[in-house]
Amino acid sequence: MKPGNMEDEIMRDHYDFSNAKKNPYVSKLKKQITIRLDEDTIDYFKEMSEESGIKYQQLINLYLADCARKNLKLNINWKAS
């Protein structure tokens, strides 16, 4: 037997997952994505971050989550050139 394997087997005997339940918060987990933002937008949230002590990525997430929760829609009016 390789070193450590016997300890692993002994530890497994101490755990019983037969009544385990799925994590109810799994749907709340965050997913990493790549997004391109204007430098001014990033600077805005970084300034808010310094004022609030909350990481700027978290502030962006909170802001977008609030928009989604309120079902806010953008009013986009493209000007003809």
Protein backbone atom coordinates (compact mmCIF):
# COMPACT_ATOMS: atom_id res chain seq x y z
CA MET A 1 0.00 0.00 0.00
CA LYS A 2 1.21 3.52 -0.77
CA PRO A 3 1.85 5.81 2.21
CA GLY A 4 -1.27 7.76 3.16
CA ASN A 5 -3.78 5.37 1.60
CA MET A 6 -4.51 3.54 4.84
CA GLU A 7 -5.17 6.87 6.59
CA ASP A 8 -7.56 7.85 3.77
CA GLU A 9 -9.49 4.61 4.18
CA ILE A 10 -9.69 5.03 7.97
CA MET A 11 -10.98 8.60 7.53
CA ARG A 12 -13.66 7.49 5.06
CA ASP A 13 -15.05 5.12 7.69
CA HIS A 14 -15.79 8.15 9.92
CA TYR A 15 -17.96 9.97 7.39
CA ASP A 16 -21.50 9.06 6.42
CA PHE A 17 -22.91 11.00 3.47
CA SER A 18 -25.97 8.79 3.00
CA ASN A 19 -28.26 11.60 4.26
CA ALA A 20 -26.36 14.40 2.54
CA LYS A 21 -28.34 17.15 0.82
CA LYS A 22 -27.37 19.26 -2.16
CA ASN A 23 -26.03 22.73 -1.41
CA PRO A 24 -29.07 25.07 -1.45
CA TYR A 25 -26.81 28.02 -2.31
CA VAL A 26 -25.32 26.48 -5.45
CA SER A 27 -27.54 28.69 -7.63
CA LYS A 28 -26.11 31.77 -5.87
CA LEU A 29 -22.52 30.94 -6.79
CA LYS A 30 -20.77 33.42 -9.01
CA LYS A 31 -19.53 32.62 -12.48
CA GLN A 32 -16.33 34.17 -13.76
CA ILE A 33 -16.68 35.91 -17.13
CA THR A 34 -14.71 38.35 -19.22
CA ILE A 35 -16.37 41.70 -19.85
CA ARG A 36 -15.07 44.84 -21.52
CA LEU A 37 -15.91 48.06 -19.71
CA ASP A 38 -15.03 51.67 -20.47
CA GLU A 39 -12.14 52.99 -18.43
CA ASP A 40 -14.37 55.78 -17.07
CA THR A 41 -16.85 53.19 -15.82
CA ILE A 42 -14.14 51.22 -14.06
CA ASP A 43 -12.74 54.41 -12.52
CA TYR A 44 -16.23 55.32 -11.27
CA PHE A 45 -16.65 52.00 -9.47
CA LYS A 46 -13.07 52.09 -8.15
CA GLU A 47 -13.79 55.50 -6.59
CA MET A 48 -16.98 54.11 -5.06
CA SER A 49 -14.91 51.18 -3.83
CA GLU A 50 -12.49 53.45 -2.00
CA GLU A 51 -15.38 55.34 -0.38
CA SER A 52 -17.32 52.25 0.66
CA GLY A 53 -14.55 49.73 1.33
CA ILE A 54 -16.27 47.23 -0.96
CA LYS A 55 -14.28 45.71 -3.84
CA TYR A 56 -15.14 47.37 -7.14
CA GLN A 57 -16.03 44.07 -8.85
CA GLN A 58 -18.47 43.37 -6.04
CA LEU A 59 -19.98 46.86 -6.44
CA ILE A 60 -20.49 46.27 -10.17
CA ASN A 61 -22.14 42.92 -9.38
CA LEU A 62 -24.38 44.51 -6.74
CA TYR A 63 -25.41 47.28 -9.13
CA LEU A 64 -26.21 44.88 -11.97
CA ALA A 65 -28.05 42.51 -9.61
CA ASP A 66 -30.16 45.46 -8.40
CA CYS A 67 -30.98 46.38 -12.01
CA ALA A 68 -31.97 42.79 -12.76
CA ARG A 69 -34.07 42.49 -9.58
CA LYS A 70 -35.94 45.70 -10.49
CA ASN A 71 -36.25 44.54 -14.11
CA LEU A 72 -34.78 47.86 -15.29
CA LYS A 73 -34.50 48.38 -19.03
CA LEU A 74 -32.16 50.70 -20.88
CA ASN A 75 -33.70 53.47 -22.93
CA ILE A 76 -31.40 53.41 -25.94
CA ASN A 77 -32.00 56.01 -28.63
CA TRP A 78 -29.53 55.73 -31.47
CA LYS A 79 -29.02 59.01 -33.25
CA ALA A 80 -28.83 58.86 -37.02
CA SER A 81 -25.53 60.12 -38.34
